[in-house]
Protein backbone atom coordinates (compact mmCIF):
# COMPACT_ATOMS: atom_id res chain seq x y z
CA UNK A 1 -0.03 -22.98 27.60
CA UNK A 2 -0.66 -20.16 25.08
CA UNK A 3 -2.95 -21.64 22.55
CA UNK A 4 -1.52 -22.81 19.15
CA UNK A 5 -2.62 -22.37 15.78
CA UNK A 6 -1.79 -24.22 11.88
CA UNK A 7 -1.94 -21.23 9.97
CA UNK A 8 -1.74 -22.36 5.53
CA UNK A 9 0.10 -19.78 3.13
CA UNK A 10 1.81 -18.34 6.06
CA UNK A 11 4.19 -17.17 3.48
CA UNK A 12 3.12 -14.26 2.28
CA UNK A 13 0.22 -11.69 2.27
CA UNK A 14 -2.77 -12.47 4.70
CA UNK A 15 -0.95 -15.66 5.78
CA UNK A 16 1.70 -13.74 7.11
CA UNK A 17 0.08 -10.78 8.70
CA UNK A 18 -2.20 -12.99 10.69
CA UNK A 19 1.14 -15.46 11.57
CA UNK A 20 2.92 -11.91 12.72
CA UNK A 21 -0.17 -10.69 14.56
CA UNK A 22 -1.34 -13.76 16.43
CA UNK A 23 2.50 -14.44 17.37
CA UNK A 24 2.44 -10.91 18.96
CA UNK A 25 -0.26 -11.53 21.05
CA UNK A 26 1.28 -14.50 22.27
CA UNK A 27 -0.28 -17.10 20.08
CA UNK A 28 2.07 -20.52 19.54
CA UNK A 29 2.26 -19.94 15.32
CA UNK A 30 2.67 -22.82 12.99
CA UNK A 31 2.66 -21.73 9.66
CA UNK A 32 2.98 -23.24 6.42
CA UNK A 33 4.90 -22.89 3.00
CA UNK A 34 6.34 -25.65 0.53
CA UNK A 35 9.52 -24.22 0.80
CA UNK A 36 11.81 -24.61 4.36
CA UNK A 37 11.76 -21.57 6.42
CA UNK A 38 13.86 -20.10 8.70
CA UNK A 39 11.44 -19.28 12.05
CA UNK A 40 10.40 -15.96 12.19
CA UNK A 41 11.07 -13.47 15.02
CA UNK A 42 7.41 -11.43 15.70
CA UNK A 43 9.09 -8.39 16.52
CA UNK A 44 8.34 -7.94 12.63
CA UNK A 45 4.76 -8.21 13.71
CA UNK A 46 1.88 -6.44 12.30
CA UNK A 47 0.91 -4.45 15.99
CA UNK A 48 4.20 -2.57 17.35
CA UNK A 49 1.90 -2.62 20.72
CA UNK A 50 4.93 -3.44 23.24
CA UNK A 51 2.59 -4.49 26.20
CA UNK A 52 1.10 -7.81 24.21
CA UNK A 53 3.36 -11.17 24.72
CA UNK A 54 5.61 -11.87 22.00
CA UNK A 55 6.63 -15.03 20.59
CA UNK A 56 8.18 -16.57 16.88
CA UNK A 57 6.33 -18.00 13.80
CA UNK A 58 7.49 -21.49 13.55
CA UNK A 59 7.41 -22.85 9.91
CA UNK A 60 6.73 -26.11 8.64
CA UNK A 61 6.94 -27.48 5.41
CA UNK A 62 3.16 -28.37 3.92
CA UNK A 63 1.68 -28.24 0.80
CA UNK A 64 -1.88 -28.68 0.88
CA UNK A 65 -2.25 -29.91 -2.73
CA UNK A 66 -0.22 -33.12 -1.57
CA UNK A 67 -2.02 -35.49 1.36
CA UNK A 68 1.02 -37.19 2.17
CA UNK A 69 2.77 -33.41 2.83
CA UNK A 70 -0.26 -32.21 4.98
CA UNK A 71 0.03 -35.77 6.99
CA UNK A 72 3.45 -35.05 7.27
CA UNK A 73 3.87 -31.56 8.34
CA UNK A 74 1.05 -31.32 10.85
CA UNK A 75 2.23 -34.48 12.84
CA UNK A 76 5.66 -32.75 12.92
CA UNK A 77 3.08 -29.80 14.60
CA UNK A 78 1.34 -31.99 16.87
CA UNK A 79 4.87 -33.26 18.31
CA UNK A 80 6.02 -29.92 19.00
CA UNK A 81 3.28 -28.48 20.22
CA UNK A 82 0.84 -31.52 21.75
CA UNK A 83 -2.42 -30.62 19.52
CA UNK A 84 -3.46 -27.41 18.09
CA UNK A 85 -6.36 -24.92 19.70
CA UNK A 86 -7.20 -23.11 15.94
CA UNK A 87 -6.95 -23.90 12.48
CA UNK A 88 -6.07 -20.65 10.07
CA UNK A 89 -6.81 -22.44 6.31
CA UNK A 90 -5.90 -19.38 4.00
CA UNK A 91 -3.48 -20.66 1.48
CA UNK A 92 -4.74 -19.99 -2.34
CA UNK A 93 -3.81 -19.10 -5.65
CA UNK A 94 -5.34 -17.43 -8.59
CA UNK A 95 -5.83 -17.84 -12.10
CA UNK A 96 -6.82 -15.69 -14.85
CA UNK A 97 -8.55 -15.93 -18.36
CA UNK A 98 -12.13 -16.62 -20.09
CA UNK A 99 -14.50 -19.89 -18.92
CA UNK A 100 -14.12 -20.89 -22.81
CA UNK A 101 -10.20 -20.15 -23.06
CA UNK A 102 -8.57 -21.60 -19.19
CA UNK A 103 -7.23 -25.40 -20.08
CA UNK A 104 -8.79 -28.16 -17.55
CA UNK A 105 -5.57 -28.66 -16.18
CA UNK A 106 -5.13 -25.15 -15.00
CA UNK A 107 -9.01 -24.49 -13.68
CA UNK A 108 -8.57 -28.19 -11.74
CA UNK A 109 -5.23 -26.70 -10.16
CA UNK A 110 -7.54 -23.76 -9.35
CA UNK A 111 -9.36 -25.94 -6.95
CA UNK A 112 -6.92 -27.95 -5.96
CA UNK A 113 -5.33 -25.74 -3.87
CA UNK A 114 -8.53 -23.23 -3.35
CA UNK A 115 -10.77 -25.88 -2.03
CA UNK A 116 -9.08 -29.42 -1.60
CA UNK A 117 -6.16 -27.68 -0.12
CA UNK A 118 -8.72 -26.78 2.65
CA UNK A 119 -10.11 -30.45 2.69
CA UNK A 120 -6.72 -32.16 3.28
CA UNK A 121 -5.99 -29.89 6.05
CA UNK A 122 -9.66 -29.76 7.74
CA UNK A 123 -9.54 -33.78 7.78
CA UNK A 124 -5.99 -33.84 9.40
CA UNK A 125 -6.92 -31.53 12.08
CA UNK A 126 -10.56 -31.96 12.62
CA UNK A 127 -10.23 -35.27 14.50
CA UNK A 128 -8.37 -34.48 17.55
CA UNK A 129 -10.59 -31.24 17.88
CA UNK A 130 -14.08 -32.83 17.92
CA UNK A 131 -12.82 -35.44 19.97
CA UNK A 132 -11.29 -32.76 22.55
CA UNK A 133 -14.58 -30.74 21.68
CA UNK A 134 -13.55 -27.98 21.66
CA UNK A 135 -11.28 -25.87 18.72
CA UNK A 136 -11.65 -22.85 16.12
CA UNK A 137 -11.54 -23.13 12.42
CA UNK A 138 -10.90 -20.11 10.09
CA UNK A 139 -11.44 -20.37 6.59
CA UNK A 140 -10.71 -18.06 4.57
CA UNK A 141 -12.87 -17.31 1.35
CA UNK A 142 -13.33 -14.31 -0.72
CA UNK A 143 -16.14 -11.54 -1.31
CA UNK A 144 -15.84 -12.96 -5.11
CA UNK A 145 -17.31 -15.85 -4.18
CA UNK A 146 -20.71 -14.22 -4.01
CA UNK A 147 -19.54 -11.34 -6.42
CA UNK A 148 -17.80 -13.45 -9.18
CA UNK A 149 -15.21 -11.89 -10.37
CA UNK A 150 -15.50 -11.92 -15.00
CA UNK A 151 -12.44 -13.49 -15.83
CA UNK A 152 -11.81 -15.15 -12.49
CA UNK A 153 -14.67 -17.55 -12.65
CA UNK A 154 -12.77 -20.41 -11.91
CA UNK A 155 -11.16 -18.78 -8.29
CA UNK A 156 -14.50 -16.98 -7.63
CA UNK A 157 -16.19 -20.77 -7.90
CA UNK A 158 -13.64 -22.16 -5.59
CA UNK A 159 -14.26 -19.34 -3.00
CA UNK A 160 -18.19 -19.73 -3.17
CA UNK A 161 -17.40 -23.65 -2.72
CA UNK A 162 -15.79 -22.58 0.38
CA UNK A 163 -18.50 -20.81 1.31
CA UNK A 164 -20.41 -23.81 0.97
CA UNK A 165 -17.96 -25.87 2.80
CA UNK A 166 -17.68 -23.55 6.04
CA UNK A 167 -21.32 -23.49 6.58
CA UNK A 168 -22.23 -27.10 6.84
CA UNK A 169 -18.64 -27.89 8.44
CA UNK A 170 -19.91 -25.33 11.25
CA UNK A 171 -23.29 -27.35 11.45
CA UNK A 172 -21.63 -30.10 11.64
CA UNK A 173 -18.54 -29.80 14.22
CA UNK A 174 -21.37 -27.08 16.32
CA UNK A 175 -22.35 -30.42 18.81
CA UNK A 176 -18.70 -30.87 19.40
CA UNK A 177 -17.77 -27.39 20.67
CA UNK A 178 -15.90 -26.61 17.61
CA UNK A 179 -16.57 -23.25 16.01
CA UNK A 180 -16.23 -22.46 12.36
CA UNK A 181 -16.09 -19.24 10.56
CA UNK A 182 -15.85 -18.18 7.21
CA UNK A 183 -13.65 -14.50 6.90
CA UNK A 184 -14.41 -13.11 3.26
CA UNK A 185 -11.68 -9.98 2.91
CA UNK A 186 -12.39 -8.10 -0.64
CA UNK A 187 -9.67 -6.72 -2.32
CA UNK A 188 -6.79 -6.77 -0.12
CA UNK A 189 -3.36 -5.39 -0.88
CA UNK A 190 -0.92 -8.22 -0.85
CA UNK A 191 1.53 -9.60 -3.32
CA UNK A 192 -1.68 -11.84 -4.59
CA UNK A 193 -1.47 -10.22 -8.43
CA UNK A 194 1.90 -11.10 -8.19
CA UNK A 195 1.32 -14.83 -7.97
CA UNK A 196 -1.35 -14.92 -10.46
CA UNK A 197 -1.40 -16.94 -13.49
CA UNK A 198 -2.37 -14.49 -15.98
CA UNK A 199 -2.24 -15.67 -19.52
CA UNK A 200 -4.06 -19.17 -18.85
CA UNK A 201 -6.08 -17.19 -22.09
CA UNK A 202 -4.40 -17.20 -25.59
CA UNK A 203 -2.72 -13.96 -27.27
CA UNK A 204 -5.58 -14.47 -29.95
CA UNK A 205 -8.45 -15.00 -27.60
CA UNK A 206 -11.59 -13.97 -29.05
CA UNK A 207 -11.93 -11.96 -25.15
CA UNK A 208 -8.83 -10.32 -25.80
CA UNK A 209 -9.61 -6.52 -25.79
CA UNK A 210 -12.25 -7.40 -22.30
CA UNK A 211 -9.74 -9.35 -20.86
CA UNK A 212 -7.42 -6.38 -20.81
CA UNK A 213 -9.54 -3.96 -20.02
CA UNK A 214 -10.16 -6.27 -16.42
CA UNK A 215 -6.68 -6.75 -16.02
CA UNK A 216 -5.97 -3.54 -15.96
CA UNK A 217 -8.82 -2.86 -13.16
CA UNK A 218 -7.76 -5.46 -11.15
CA UNK A 219 -3.83 -4.12 -11.22
CA UNK A 220 -5.03 -0.51 -10.59
CA UNK A 221 -7.27 -1.37 -7.43
CA UNK A 222 -5.39 -4.04 -5.67
CA UNK A 223 -2.77 -1.25 -4.78
CA UNK A 224 -5.25 0.86 -3.41
CA UNK A 225 -6.41 -1.55 -1.24
CA UNK A 226 -6.40 -1.96 2.36
CA UNK A 227 -3.54 -3.68 4.27
CA UNK A 228 -3.35 -7.93 5.01
CA UNK A 229 -3.45 -6.62 8.62
CA UNK A 230 -6.62 -5.47 8.45
CA UNK A 231 -7.60 -9.30 7.89
CA UNK A 232 -5.17 -10.24 10.33
CA UNK A 233 -7.35 -7.98 13.17
CA UNK A 234 -10.69 -9.57 12.04
CA UNK A 235 -9.39 -13.50 12.35
CA UNK A 236 -7.72 -12.43 15.64
CA UNK A 237 -11.69 -11.12 16.43
CA UNK A 238 -13.16 -14.89 15.23
CA UNK A 239 -10.78 -16.59 17.43
CA UNK A 240 -11.15 -14.62 20.27
CA UNK A 241 -14.59 -14.72 20.37
CA UNK A 242 -17.14 -16.46 22.60
CA UNK A 243 -19.51 -16.83 20.43
CA UNK A 244 -17.95 -16.04 16.50
CA UNK A 245 -20.33 -15.29 13.96
CA UNK A 246 -20.68 -17.46 10.75
CA UNK A 247 -19.10 -14.97 8.46
CA UNK A 248 -17.02 -11.84 8.53
CA UNK A 249 -16.37 -9.34 5.90
CA UNK A 250 -13.29 -7.28 5.18
CA UNK A 251 -12.21 -4.25 3.53
CA UNK A 252 -13.18 -1.31 1.83
CA UNK A 253 -17.18 -1.46 1.29
CA UNK A 254 -17.06 -4.67 2.32
CA UNK A 255 -20.47 -4.77 2.98
CA UNK A 256 -21.99 -3.59 -0.25
CA UNK A 257 -21.35 -7.17 -1.84
CA UNK A 258 -23.54 -8.68 1.26
CA UNK A 259 -26.34 -6.21 1.38
CA UNK A 260 -26.44 -5.94 -2.66
CA UNK A 261 -26.71 -9.90 -2.97
CA UNK A 262 -29.31 -9.70 -0.57
CA UNK A 263 -31.52 -7.15 -1.77
CA UNK A 264 -31.30 -6.68 -5.36
CA UNK A 265 -31.98 -9.18 -8.19
CA UNK A 266 -29.17 -11.29 -9.35
CA UNK A 267 -29.64 -9.81 -13.08
CA UNK A 268 -28.55 -6.06 -11.58
CA UNK A 269 -25.92 -7.57 -8.92
CA UNK A 270 -24.22 -9.00 -12.32
CA UNK A 271 -24.62 -5.45 -14.13
CA UNK A 272 -23.11 -3.48 -11.33
CA UNK A 273 -20.09 -6.19 -11.61
CA UNK A 274 -19.91 -5.79 -15.08
CA UNK A 275 -19.91 -1.96 -14.87
CA UNK A 276 -17.52 -1.74 -12.18
CA UNK A 277 -15.26 -3.88 -14.79
CA UNK A 278 -16.09 -1.80 -17.67
CA UNK A 279 -17.53 -5.04 -20.06
């Protein structure tokens, strides 16, 4: 029987591209969405290779910010497929604003989705993998976790937390034959900016001019970035590898952030980030 995978946040962007890509390669794909969606035929898949088997993407209603919703959604998946071979924790969101300005409620909501949402899904899926002594876990982080973005401190911090979670979990699950990998995209051309909460800083913020400059930089760079299908192919490699790596980076110049963090002092690394964003 073809392997099964649960992909959170599969209704758009990286999640949708990954769901389509894996379904076109014979995976039984269960994608999560906060709202009811019909099954998606994989003939809309990223790959046009007609030699690979095709399948459908089955959508499951799941809000990763709600533990009961996660439990119900996973119960539905397990009832249909009998058990998951892999899980891709991709669901995420972003807020934009100065650390000084962003309301605590908004900052907590950022972590509720990007970090605690990952934890909820892991706590629901890991026990069966551990008992079966097999499985693949992919956590979709971001290079922002290692190169924090000005005025996206909360997003960057949430992805840094996912980075640490991934390393710890990889060690915890190694004795049980469950492989854990972190996938770190850089800029990727997705609708992420469309869903960004851009107005968490007030109009009269003391950072008004800097906020405008950085926002312009972010909005102009994303449409020029690589497509989400690049990340989908990377996730497939991690799922198929006999000995998957602990982390994979994706995107134009994705090697640059790890290299800079390894060889440059923090003072210089942060100065380069400021220069990139015009600060």
